[in-house]
Structures are given as C-alpha cells and as structure tokens.
N, C-alpha and C. Protein backbone atom coordinates (compact mmCIF):
# COMPACT_ATOMS: atom_id res chain seq x y z
N MET A 1 6.45 -22.27 -3.82
CA MET A 1 5.98 -21.77 -5.08
C MET A 1 6.99 -22.07 -6.18
N VAL A 2 8.27 -21.94 -5.87
CA VAL A 2 9.30 -22.20 -6.88
C VAL A 2 9.38 -23.69 -7.16
N LYS A 3 9.12 -24.52 -6.16
CA LYS A 3 9.22 -25.97 -6.35
C LYS A 3 8.23 -26.46 -7.39
N TYR A 4 7.00 -25.96 -7.34
CA TYR A 4 5.97 -26.43 -8.26
C TYR A 4 5.83 -25.55 -9.49
N GLY A 5 6.45 -24.40 -9.49
CA GLY A 5 6.35 -23.49 -10.64
C GLY A 5 5.08 -22.67 -10.56
N LEU A 6 5.01 -21.67 -11.40
CA LEU A 6 3.83 -20.81 -11.40
C LEU A 6 2.65 -21.46 -12.08
N ASP A 7 2.84 -22.63 -12.70
CA ASP A 7 1.70 -23.34 -13.26
C ASP A 7 0.90 -24.07 -12.18
N TYR A 8 1.48 -24.19 -11.01
CA TYR A 8 0.75 -24.78 -9.90
C TYR A 8 -0.41 -23.84 -9.57
N THR A 9 -1.64 -24.31 -9.72
CA THR A 9 -2.80 -23.43 -9.79
C THR A 9 -3.01 -22.59 -8.53
N ARG A 10 -2.71 -23.12 -7.38
CA ARG A 10 -2.93 -22.33 -6.17
C ARG A 10 -1.86 -21.28 -5.96
N CYS A 11 -0.63 -21.54 -6.38
CA CYS A 11 0.47 -20.60 -6.16
C CYS A 11 0.50 -19.49 -7.20
N ARG A 12 -0.08 -19.72 -8.33
CA ARG A 12 0.01 -18.76 -9.43
C ARG A 12 -0.64 -17.43 -9.08
N TRP A 13 -1.67 -17.44 -8.27
CA TRP A 13 -2.43 -16.23 -8.00
C TRP A 13 -2.12 -15.60 -6.65
N ILE A 14 -1.06 -16.05 -5.98
CA ILE A 14 -0.74 -15.48 -4.67
C ILE A 14 -0.34 -14.01 -4.78
N LEU A 15 0.55 -13.67 -5.72
CA LEU A 15 0.99 -12.28 -5.84
C LEU A 15 -0.14 -11.34 -6.27
N PRO A 16 -0.96 -11.68 -7.28
CA PRO A 16 -2.09 -10.80 -7.58
C PRO A 16 -3.09 -10.70 -6.42
N LEU A 17 -3.25 -11.79 -5.67
CA LEU A 17 -4.14 -11.75 -4.50
C LEU A 17 -3.61 -10.78 -3.45
N LEU A 18 -2.31 -10.82 -3.21
CA LEU A 18 -1.72 -9.89 -2.24
C LEU A 18 -1.83 -8.44 -2.72
N LEU A 19 -1.70 -8.23 -4.02
CA LEU A 19 -1.91 -6.88 -4.56
C LEU A 19 -3.36 -6.44 -4.35
N GLY A 20 -4.30 -7.36 -4.53
CA GLY A 20 -5.71 -7.05 -4.29
C GLY A 20 -5.96 -6.67 -2.84
N ILE A 21 -5.32 -7.37 -1.92
CA ILE A 21 -5.45 -7.02 -0.50
C ILE A 21 -4.86 -5.64 -0.25
N GLY A 22 -3.73 -5.32 -0.91
CA GLY A 22 -3.16 -3.99 -0.79
C GLY A 22 -4.10 -2.91 -1.31
N VAL A 23 -4.81 -3.20 -2.40
CA VAL A 23 -5.80 -2.25 -2.93
C VAL A 23 -6.92 -2.03 -1.92
N ILE A 24 -7.39 -3.09 -1.29
CA ILE A 24 -8.44 -2.97 -0.28
C ILE A 24 -7.96 -2.13 0.89
N PHE A 25 -6.73 -2.37 1.36
CA PHE A 25 -6.19 -1.57 2.45
C PHE A 25 -6.05 -0.10 2.04
N GLY A 26 -5.69 0.15 0.78
CA GLY A 26 -5.59 1.52 0.29
C GLY A 26 -6.95 2.22 0.27
N ILE A 27 -7.99 1.49 -0.12
CA ILE A 27 -9.34 2.05 -0.11
C ILE A 27 -9.75 2.40 1.32
N ILE A 28 -9.44 1.52 2.26
CA ILE A 28 -9.77 1.78 3.66
C ILE A 28 -9.04 3.02 4.15
N ALA A 29 -7.76 3.17 3.77
CA ALA A 29 -7.00 4.35 4.18
C ALA A 29 -7.55 5.63 3.56
N LEU A 30 -7.94 5.57 2.29
CA LEU A 30 -8.47 6.76 1.63
C LEU A 30 -9.83 7.17 2.19
N ALA A 31 -10.67 6.21 2.52
CA ALA A 31 -12.02 6.51 2.97
C ALA A 31 -12.15 6.63 4.49
N GLY A 32 -11.16 6.13 5.22
CA GLY A 32 -11.27 6.10 6.68
C GLY A 32 -11.16 7.45 7.33
N ARG A 33 -11.92 7.64 8.42
CA ARG A 33 -11.88 8.88 9.18
C ARG A 33 -10.95 8.79 10.37
N GLY A 34 -10.16 7.74 10.43
CA GLY A 34 -9.31 7.55 11.59
C GLY A 34 -7.83 7.81 11.33
N TRP A 35 -7.50 8.85 10.58
CA TRP A 35 -6.08 9.15 10.40
C TRP A 35 -5.52 9.75 11.69
N LEU A 36 -6.30 10.60 12.33
CA LEU A 36 -5.90 11.16 13.63
C LEU A 36 -7.14 11.19 14.50
N GLU A 37 -6.99 10.74 15.76
CA GLU A 37 -8.12 10.72 16.68
C GLU A 37 -7.65 11.13 18.06
N SER A 38 -8.59 11.64 18.86
CA SER A 38 -8.29 11.91 20.26
C SER A 38 -8.06 10.59 20.97
N GLN A 39 -7.07 10.57 21.85
CA GLN A 39 -6.74 9.33 22.53
C GLN A 39 -7.52 9.17 23.82
N THR A 40 -7.88 10.25 24.47
CA THR A 40 -8.54 10.19 25.77
C THR A 40 -9.86 10.95 25.72
N LEU A 41 -10.70 10.70 26.70
CA LEU A 41 -11.96 11.45 26.83
C LEU A 41 -11.65 12.88 27.21
N PRO A 42 -12.37 13.86 26.81
CA PRO A 42 -13.44 13.82 25.81
C PRO A 42 -12.86 13.75 24.40
N TYR A 43 -13.51 12.99 23.55
CA TYR A 43 -13.05 12.86 22.18
C TYR A 43 -13.42 14.12 21.41
N VAL A 44 -12.42 14.95 21.16
CA VAL A 44 -12.69 16.26 20.58
C VAL A 44 -12.05 16.45 19.21
N HIS A 45 -11.28 15.48 18.74
CA HIS A 45 -10.60 15.67 17.45
C HIS A 45 -10.62 14.35 16.66
N GLN A 46 -10.93 14.48 15.39
CA GLN A 46 -10.92 13.35 14.48
C GLN A 46 -10.59 13.88 13.09
N ALA A 47 -9.69 13.20 12.39
CA ALA A 47 -9.28 13.70 11.08
C ALA A 47 -9.13 12.55 10.10
N SER A 48 -9.36 12.86 8.84
CA SER A 48 -9.11 11.92 7.76
C SER A 48 -8.07 12.55 6.85
N LEU A 49 -7.81 11.92 5.73
CA LEU A 49 -6.89 12.50 4.76
C LEU A 49 -7.47 13.77 4.16
N TRP A 50 -8.79 13.91 4.20
CA TRP A 50 -9.46 14.99 3.50
C TRP A 50 -9.93 16.12 4.40
N GLU A 51 -10.23 15.85 5.68
CA GLU A 51 -10.76 16.89 6.55
C GLU A 51 -10.40 16.65 8.00
N SER A 52 -10.48 17.72 8.79
CA SER A 52 -10.21 17.67 10.21
C SER A 52 -11.46 18.13 10.94
N CYS A 53 -11.95 17.32 11.87
CA CYS A 53 -13.19 17.62 12.60
C CYS A 53 -12.88 17.78 14.08
N THR A 54 -13.46 18.80 14.68
CA THR A 54 -13.32 19.04 16.12
C THR A 54 -14.71 19.28 16.71
N ARG A 55 -14.81 19.11 18.02
CA ARG A 55 -16.05 19.46 18.71
C ARG A 55 -15.68 19.97 20.09
N PRO A 56 -16.43 20.93 20.58
CA PRO A 56 -16.14 21.49 21.89
C PRO A 56 -16.72 20.61 23.00
N GLY A 57 -15.87 20.08 23.84
CA GLY A 57 -16.33 19.28 24.97
C GLY A 57 -17.03 18.01 24.55
N GLN A 58 -17.83 17.48 25.48
CA GLN A 58 -18.54 16.24 25.21
C GLN A 58 -19.92 16.53 24.65
N GLY A 59 -20.27 15.80 23.62
CA GLY A 59 -21.63 15.85 23.10
C GLY A 59 -21.96 16.99 22.17
N GLY A 60 -21.05 17.90 21.91
CA GLY A 60 -21.33 18.98 20.98
C GLY A 60 -21.26 18.50 19.55
N PRO A 61 -21.74 19.32 18.63
CA PRO A 61 -21.69 18.92 17.22
C PRO A 61 -20.26 19.03 16.67
N TRP A 62 -19.95 18.14 15.73
CA TRP A 62 -18.64 18.16 15.09
C TRP A 62 -18.61 19.30 14.07
N THR A 63 -17.54 20.07 14.06
CA THR A 63 -17.32 21.06 13.02
C THR A 63 -16.11 20.61 12.21
N CYS A 64 -16.29 20.52 10.92
CA CYS A 64 -15.24 19.98 10.06
C CYS A 64 -14.66 21.06 9.17
N GLU A 65 -13.35 20.97 8.98
CA GLU A 65 -12.62 21.89 8.11
C GLU A 65 -11.89 21.05 7.07
N SER A 66 -12.03 21.44 5.81
CA SER A 66 -11.37 20.70 4.75
C SER A 66 -9.87 20.95 4.78
N LEU A 67 -9.10 19.89 4.62
CA LEU A 67 -7.65 20.03 4.55
C LEU A 67 -7.19 20.42 3.15
N MET A 68 -8.14 20.44 2.21
CA MET A 68 -7.78 20.81 0.84
C MET A 68 -7.55 22.31 0.71
N GLY A 69 -7.84 23.06 1.75
CA GLY A 69 -7.54 24.48 1.77
C GLY A 69 -6.07 24.76 2.04
N TYR A 70 -5.36 23.77 2.52
CA TYR A 70 -3.93 23.89 2.79
C TYR A 70 -3.15 23.27 1.64
N ALA A 71 -2.02 23.89 1.31
CA ALA A 71 -1.19 23.34 0.22
C ALA A 71 -0.66 21.96 0.62
N TRP A 72 -0.28 21.78 1.87
CA TRP A 72 0.25 20.49 2.32
C TRP A 72 -0.84 19.44 2.32
N GLY A 73 -2.10 19.83 2.58
CA GLY A 73 -3.21 18.87 2.55
C GLY A 73 -3.45 18.36 1.14
N ARG A 74 -3.39 19.28 0.18
CA ARG A 74 -3.53 18.86 -1.22
C ARG A 74 -2.35 18.00 -1.65
N ALA A 75 -1.14 18.36 -1.19
CA ALA A 75 0.05 17.58 -1.56
C ALA A 75 -0.01 16.18 -0.96
N ALA A 76 -0.40 16.06 0.31
CA ALA A 76 -0.48 14.74 0.95
C ALA A 76 -1.54 13.88 0.28
N ALA A 77 -2.70 14.47 0.00
CA ALA A 77 -3.77 13.71 -0.65
C ALA A 77 -3.38 13.32 -2.07
N ALA A 78 -2.76 14.24 -2.80
CA ALA A 78 -2.40 13.95 -4.19
C ALA A 78 -1.33 12.87 -4.28
N THR A 79 -0.30 12.95 -3.45
CA THR A 79 0.77 11.95 -3.54
C THR A 79 0.27 10.58 -3.10
N TYR A 80 -0.54 10.52 -2.04
CA TYR A 80 -1.06 9.22 -1.63
C TYR A 80 -2.03 8.66 -2.67
N LEU A 81 -2.82 9.54 -3.29
CA LEU A 81 -3.76 9.10 -4.31
C LEU A 81 -3.03 8.61 -5.56
N VAL A 82 -1.94 9.27 -5.96
CA VAL A 82 -1.15 8.81 -7.10
C VAL A 82 -0.57 7.43 -6.81
N GLY A 83 -0.04 7.25 -5.59
CA GLY A 83 0.47 5.93 -5.20
C GLY A 83 -0.61 4.87 -5.25
N PHE A 84 -1.81 5.22 -4.82
CA PHE A 84 -2.91 4.26 -4.84
C PHE A 84 -3.32 3.92 -6.28
N ILE A 85 -3.38 4.92 -7.14
CA ILE A 85 -3.74 4.67 -8.55
C ILE A 85 -2.70 3.77 -9.21
N LEU A 86 -1.42 4.01 -8.92
CA LEU A 86 -0.37 3.14 -9.47
C LEU A 86 -0.51 1.72 -8.94
N LEU A 87 -0.92 1.57 -7.68
CA LEU A 87 -1.15 0.24 -7.12
C LEU A 87 -2.29 -0.47 -7.84
N VAL A 88 -3.36 0.25 -8.15
CA VAL A 88 -4.48 -0.34 -8.88
C VAL A 88 -4.04 -0.75 -10.28
N ILE A 89 -3.22 0.08 -10.93
CA ILE A 89 -2.70 -0.27 -12.26
C ILE A 89 -1.84 -1.53 -12.17
N CYS A 90 -1.00 -1.62 -11.14
CA CYS A 90 -0.17 -2.83 -10.96
C CYS A 90 -1.03 -4.06 -10.73
N PHE A 91 -2.12 -3.90 -9.98
CA PHE A 91 -3.04 -5.01 -9.75
C PHE A 91 -3.64 -5.50 -11.06
N ALA A 92 -4.08 -4.56 -11.90
CA ALA A 92 -4.66 -4.94 -13.19
C ALA A 92 -3.61 -5.59 -14.09
N LEU A 93 -2.40 -5.06 -14.11
CA LEU A 93 -1.33 -5.65 -14.92
C LEU A 93 -0.94 -7.03 -14.41
N ALA A 94 -0.96 -7.24 -13.10
CA ALA A 94 -0.63 -8.55 -12.54
C ALA A 94 -1.69 -9.58 -12.91
N ILE A 95 -2.95 -9.17 -12.90
CA ILE A 95 -4.01 -10.09 -13.33
C ILE A 95 -3.78 -10.50 -14.78
N ILE A 96 -3.44 -9.52 -15.62
CA ILE A 96 -3.18 -9.83 -17.03
C ILE A 96 -1.95 -10.71 -17.17
N ALA A 97 -0.87 -10.38 -16.44
CA ALA A 97 0.38 -11.12 -16.57
C ALA A 97 0.24 -12.57 -16.14
N PHE A 98 -0.50 -12.83 -15.09
CA PHE A 98 -0.61 -14.19 -14.59
C PHE A 98 -1.76 -14.96 -15.24
N ALA A 99 -2.61 -14.27 -15.99
CA ALA A 99 -3.72 -14.96 -16.66
C ALA A 99 -3.27 -15.63 -17.95
N ILE A 100 -2.26 -15.09 -18.61
CA ILE A 100 -1.81 -15.70 -19.86
C ILE A 100 -0.95 -16.92 -19.55
N ASP A 101 -0.94 -17.87 -20.46
CA ASP A 101 -0.24 -19.13 -20.21
C ASP A 101 1.26 -18.97 -20.16
N THR A 102 1.83 -18.22 -21.08
CA THR A 102 3.28 -18.02 -21.08
C THR A 102 3.59 -16.71 -20.38
N LEU A 103 4.32 -16.80 -19.29
CA LEU A 103 4.63 -15.61 -18.52
C LEU A 103 5.67 -14.77 -19.23
N ARG A 104 5.47 -13.48 -19.22
CA ARG A 104 6.44 -12.53 -19.74
C ARG A 104 7.19 -11.97 -18.54
N PHE A 105 8.40 -12.50 -18.30
CA PHE A 105 9.10 -12.16 -17.08
C PHE A 105 9.59 -10.71 -17.05
N ASN A 106 9.89 -10.12 -18.19
CA ASN A 106 10.25 -8.71 -18.20
C ASN A 106 9.04 -7.85 -17.85
N PHE A 107 7.86 -8.28 -18.25
CA PHE A 107 6.63 -7.59 -17.91
C PHE A 107 6.41 -7.64 -16.39
N ILE A 108 6.71 -8.78 -15.79
CA ILE A 108 6.56 -8.93 -14.35
C ILE A 108 7.55 -8.03 -13.62
N ARG A 109 8.78 -7.93 -14.12
CA ARG A 109 9.77 -7.04 -13.50
C ARG A 109 9.33 -5.58 -13.61
N GLY A 110 8.68 -5.21 -14.70
CA GLY A 110 8.15 -3.86 -14.85
C GLY A 110 7.07 -3.54 -13.82
N ILE A 111 6.26 -4.54 -13.51
CA ILE A 111 5.25 -4.36 -12.46
C ILE A 111 5.93 -4.08 -11.12
N GLY A 112 7.03 -4.80 -10.85
CA GLY A 112 7.78 -4.56 -9.62
C GLY A 112 8.34 -3.16 -9.55
N GLY A 113 8.89 -2.67 -10.67
CA GLY A 113 9.41 -1.31 -10.69
C GLY A 113 8.31 -0.28 -10.47
N LEU A 114 7.14 -0.51 -11.06
CA LEU A 114 6.01 0.40 -10.87
C LEU A 114 5.52 0.37 -9.43
N LEU A 115 5.62 -0.79 -8.78
CA LEU A 115 5.24 -0.87 -7.36
C LEU A 115 6.18 -0.04 -6.49
N PHE A 116 7.47 -0.01 -6.83
CA PHE A 116 8.40 0.83 -6.07
C PHE A 116 8.07 2.31 -6.24
N VAL A 117 7.68 2.70 -7.45
CA VAL A 117 7.28 4.10 -7.68
C VAL A 117 6.01 4.41 -6.87
N ALA A 118 5.07 3.48 -6.85
CA ALA A 118 3.85 3.66 -6.06
C ALA A 118 4.17 3.80 -4.58
N ALA A 119 5.14 3.01 -4.10
CA ALA A 119 5.52 3.08 -2.69
C ALA A 119 6.14 4.43 -2.37
N VAL A 120 6.94 4.97 -3.27
CA VAL A 120 7.55 6.28 -3.04
C VAL A 120 6.47 7.35 -2.90
N PHE A 121 5.49 7.35 -3.81
CA PHE A 121 4.41 8.33 -3.71
C PHE A 121 3.59 8.15 -2.45
N SER A 122 3.28 6.92 -2.09
CA SER A 122 2.49 6.66 -0.88
C SER A 122 3.24 7.13 0.37
N ILE A 123 4.52 6.83 0.45
CA ILE A 123 5.30 7.23 1.62
C ILE A 123 5.43 8.75 1.69
N MET A 124 5.55 9.40 0.55
CA MET A 124 5.60 10.87 0.57
C MET A 124 4.33 11.45 1.19
N GLY A 125 3.17 10.94 0.79
CA GLY A 125 1.92 11.40 1.37
C GLY A 125 1.80 11.07 2.84
N LEU A 126 2.28 9.88 3.22
CA LEU A 126 2.19 9.46 4.62
C LEU A 126 3.16 10.22 5.52
N VAL A 127 4.19 10.81 4.97
CA VAL A 127 5.13 11.61 5.77
C VAL A 127 4.70 13.07 5.82
N ILE A 128 4.22 13.59 4.69
CA ILE A 128 3.77 14.99 4.66
C ILE A 128 2.63 15.21 5.64
N TYR A 129 1.68 14.29 5.68
CA TYR A 129 0.47 14.46 6.48
C TYR A 129 0.75 14.70 7.97
N PRO A 130 1.45 13.81 8.67
CA PRO A 130 1.60 14.04 10.11
C PRO A 130 2.53 15.21 10.44
N VAL A 131 3.55 15.42 9.61
CA VAL A 131 4.49 16.50 9.91
C VAL A 131 3.79 17.85 9.82
N LYS A 132 3.09 18.08 8.74
CA LYS A 132 2.43 19.37 8.56
C LYS A 132 1.15 19.48 9.39
N PHE A 133 0.45 18.39 9.60
CA PHE A 133 -0.78 18.43 10.39
C PHE A 133 -0.47 18.85 11.82
N SER A 134 0.56 18.24 12.40
CA SER A 134 0.87 18.54 13.80
C SER A 134 1.46 19.93 14.00
N THR A 135 2.01 20.54 12.94
CA THR A 135 2.56 21.88 13.09
C THR A 135 1.56 22.98 12.72
N GLU A 136 0.59 22.70 11.85
CA GLU A 136 -0.29 23.77 11.37
C GLU A 136 -1.73 23.69 11.87
N ILE A 137 -2.15 22.57 12.40
CA ILE A 137 -3.51 22.44 12.93
C ILE A 137 -3.41 22.43 14.45
N GLU A 138 -4.23 23.27 15.09
CA GLU A 138 -4.22 23.30 16.55
C GLU A 138 -4.91 22.06 17.09
N MET A 139 -4.20 21.34 17.94
CA MET A 139 -4.76 20.12 18.50
C MET A 139 -4.90 20.30 20.01
N THR A 140 -6.03 19.86 20.53
CA THR A 140 -6.26 19.92 21.97
C THR A 140 -6.28 18.50 22.52
N GLY A 141 -5.80 18.34 23.72
CA GLY A 141 -5.78 17.03 24.33
C GLY A 141 -4.67 16.16 23.77
N ILE A 142 -4.79 14.87 24.04
CA ILE A 142 -3.81 13.90 23.57
C ILE A 142 -4.38 13.24 22.32
N ASN A 143 -3.63 13.30 21.24
CA ASN A 143 -4.08 12.75 19.96
C ASN A 143 -3.13 11.67 19.49
N MET A 144 -3.63 10.79 18.64
CA MET A 144 -2.80 9.73 18.08
C MET A 144 -3.17 9.53 16.61
N PHE A 145 -2.17 9.12 15.84
CA PHE A 145 -2.45 8.73 14.47
C PHE A 145 -2.98 7.31 14.55
N SER A 146 -4.12 7.08 13.95
CA SER A 146 -4.91 5.91 14.29
C SER A 146 -4.99 4.89 13.17
N TRP A 147 -6.06 4.11 13.14
CA TRP A 147 -6.18 2.91 12.33
C TRP A 147 -6.12 3.17 10.83
N ALA A 148 -6.78 4.21 10.31
CA ALA A 148 -6.76 4.45 8.86
C ALA A 148 -5.36 4.85 8.41
N TYR A 149 -4.66 5.61 9.23
CA TYR A 149 -3.27 5.96 8.93
C TYR A 149 -2.40 4.70 8.93
N GLY A 150 -2.68 3.78 9.83
CA GLY A 150 -1.98 2.49 9.86
C GLY A 150 -2.24 1.66 8.61
N PHE A 151 -3.48 1.70 8.10
CA PHE A 151 -3.78 1.00 6.85
C PHE A 151 -2.99 1.62 5.69
N GLY A 152 -2.80 2.94 5.73
CA GLY A 152 -1.98 3.58 4.70
C GLY A 152 -0.54 3.09 4.73
N TRP A 153 0.03 2.97 5.93
CA TRP A 153 1.40 2.45 6.04
C TRP A 153 1.46 0.98 5.66
N THR A 154 0.45 0.22 5.99
CA THR A 154 0.42 -1.19 5.59
C THR A 154 0.42 -1.32 4.07
N THR A 155 -0.34 -0.46 3.41
CA THR A 155 -0.36 -0.46 1.94
C THR A 155 1.02 -0.15 1.38
N ALA A 156 1.69 0.86 1.95
CA ALA A 156 3.03 1.24 1.47
C ALA A 156 4.04 0.11 1.69
N ILE A 157 3.98 -0.55 2.83
CA ILE A 157 4.90 -1.65 3.10
C ILE A 157 4.63 -2.82 2.16
N MET A 158 3.34 -3.08 1.89
CA MET A 158 3.01 -4.16 0.94
C MET A 158 3.52 -3.82 -0.45
N GLU A 159 3.46 -2.54 -0.85
CA GLU A 159 3.97 -2.14 -2.16
C GLU A 159 5.47 -2.42 -2.26
N ILE A 160 6.21 -2.12 -1.21
CA ILE A 160 7.65 -2.36 -1.22
C ILE A 160 7.95 -3.86 -1.28
N CYS A 161 7.32 -4.62 -0.41
CA CYS A 161 7.59 -6.06 -0.36
C CYS A 161 7.18 -6.75 -1.67
N LEU A 162 6.02 -6.43 -2.19
CA LEU A 162 5.58 -7.04 -3.44
C LEU A 162 6.43 -6.57 -4.61
N GLY A 163 6.95 -5.35 -4.53
CA GLY A 163 7.87 -4.88 -5.55
C GLY A 163 9.12 -5.76 -5.62
N PHE A 164 9.65 -6.13 -4.43
CA PHE A 164 10.79 -7.05 -4.40
C PHE A 164 10.44 -8.40 -5.00
N PHE A 165 9.27 -8.94 -4.65
CA PHE A 165 8.86 -10.23 -5.19
C PHE A 165 8.74 -10.18 -6.71
N PHE A 166 8.08 -9.14 -7.22
CA PHE A 166 7.90 -9.05 -8.66
C PHE A 166 9.22 -8.83 -9.38
N CYS A 167 10.15 -8.08 -8.77
CA CYS A 167 11.45 -7.85 -9.43
C CYS A 167 12.35 -9.09 -9.36
N CYS A 168 12.25 -9.86 -8.30
CA CYS A 168 13.14 -11.03 -8.14
C CYS A 168 12.59 -12.28 -8.81
N LEU A 169 11.31 -12.32 -9.10
CA LEU A 169 10.71 -13.51 -9.70
C LEU A 169 11.35 -13.91 -11.03
N PRO A 170 11.71 -12.97 -11.93
CA PRO A 170 12.35 -13.39 -13.18
C PRO A 170 13.72 -14.01 -12.99
N ASN A 171 14.38 -13.79 -11.85
CA ASN A 171 15.68 -14.42 -11.59
C ASN A 171 15.54 -15.94 -11.48
N TYR A 172 14.36 -16.42 -11.18
CA TYR A 172 14.11 -17.85 -11.02
C TYR A 172 13.29 -18.40 -12.18
N GLU A 173 13.43 -17.79 -13.35
CA GLU A 173 12.64 -18.18 -14.52
C GLU A 173 12.81 -19.65 -14.87
N ASP A 174 14.05 -20.14 -14.88
CA ASP A 174 14.28 -21.54 -15.24
C ASP A 174 13.67 -22.49 -14.22
N GLN A 175 13.79 -22.17 -12.94
CA GLN A 175 13.20 -23.04 -11.91
C GLN A 175 11.68 -23.04 -12.01
N ILE A 176 11.09 -21.87 -12.29
CA ILE A 176 9.64 -21.77 -12.38
C ILE A 176 9.11 -22.55 -13.58
N LEU A 177 9.81 -22.44 -14.69
CA LEU A 177 9.36 -23.12 -15.91
C LEU A 177 9.79 -24.57 -15.97
N GLY A 178 10.59 -25.03 -15.01
CA GLY A 178 11.01 -26.43 -14.96
C GLY A 178 12.13 -26.77 -15.92
N ASN A 179 12.97 -25.81 -16.26
CA ASN A 179 14.05 -26.04 -17.22
C ASN A 179 15.38 -26.42 -16.56
N VAL A 180 15.41 -26.61 -15.27
CA VAL A 180 16.65 -26.89 -14.57
C VAL A 180 16.72 -28.39 -14.30
N LYS A 181 17.88 -28.96 -14.61
CA LYS A 181 18.09 -30.37 -14.31
C LYS A 181 18.43 -30.50 -12.84
N PRO A 182 17.96 -31.57 -12.20
CA PRO A 182 18.29 -31.73 -10.77
C PRO A 182 19.78 -32.03 -10.61
N THR A 183 20.32 -31.55 -9.54
CA THR A 183 21.72 -31.83 -9.21
C THR A 183 21.76 -32.85 -8.09
N TYR A 184 22.67 -33.79 -8.22
CA TYR A 184 22.81 -34.83 -7.23
C TYR A 184 24.16 -34.67 -6.55
N PHE A 185 24.18 -34.87 -5.29
CA PHE A 185 25.42 -34.71 -4.53
C PHE A 185 26.15 -36.03 -4.32
N TYR A 186 25.62 -37.07 -4.89
CA TYR A 186 26.25 -38.39 -4.77
C TYR A 186 27.24 -38.55 -5.91
N SER A 187 28.40 -38.94 -5.59
CA SER A 187 29.38 -39.22 -6.64
C SER A 187 29.76 -40.70 -6.57
N SER A 188 29.90 -41.31 -7.70
CA SER A 188 30.24 -42.73 -7.72
C SER A 188 31.73 -42.90 -7.45
N PRO A 189 32.12 -44.01 -6.80
CA PRO A 189 33.55 -44.21 -6.47
C PRO A 189 34.39 -44.57 -7.64
C-alpha cells in the first residue's frame, strides 16, 4: 500500500472496508443470542447481551429474563453500545476522509484516536458481562461464552488494530504522496 500510495485505487479503500467489516461484526454481536450457551445436552441456558433464557430439561419452553433489570447488565450493554456507535462514526469519517482527493492526515490520526476510545468502551462491556453474569445469574450444567461473544471480542480487536493503522498512517505521508526521492546504495568509485 505504501509503495503505490493511497491513490492506488484498490489500496485506498482497504482501511474503510476493514472498518465496515468491524461494524458488521459489531451488529452480529449486538443482535446475537449466543453470548452464553449450554455446552452439553440438555441445552438449558442461552443468553444474549440483553436477556438470559433458561428452560427446564429437554423440550420445555424457554423462559427469558431481561438483563436490563441488573445494573451490571445496563452497564455492559451501554458501554458496548457506546463503543459500537463510536465505531460507526469512525466508519463514516473514514469514508469521508478517503473519498476526498487530498488526504487530511491529521483527520486520519483523529479517527485512530477515536477507534482507541471505542475499543476501551467495547472491552469494558466485554469484561463486565462475563464477570457479573457468572457471579449473579444461576447457571446449571456446563456453559460457555459462545459465538456472539466472540464476535464482540473480534470487533474490539479490530478497533485496536485499525486504530494503530490510522494513527501510524500519517507518519508515512511523504511516501504515500510520492514526495520521497529514491535512495541508491551504489556509490561511484
């Protein structure tokens, strides 16, 4: 990407594309019912960020309890949701930043800083949820934090990594814009 510069049409949209994938993973984590699931038969427990569902034995009806009745449930949902909203804002800003012909490198560094803030909020929600869930909700059988919870962590890791990319990209401004003269290691005798 640095070799051809950000004007190289295929490389220019890699970072906004990765942010878009992070937004999709965040939506899956917010909407998914697989934050916690029973690991073995009978499947008696299933939880999302918003509610916890249990059923007695095999084949009974699921009874769901909202986690918004707990202060920690509201805190986990709010912090993860704030991180997700910041990620969506960064995605929109990245589209704007890379759509204009002349890149504003300080603007790009600001997007990176906002991604780090989003990662902090997301990680806070992802840590509050399992710690308080396992201590305050009665769980039967063997349970595991499952696929939707994994998508939440994937989103947080992408926020951190993309934050580094967005913050470090202005350090290579001259190389990206093609303002650097090539250096040759050959010296004449």
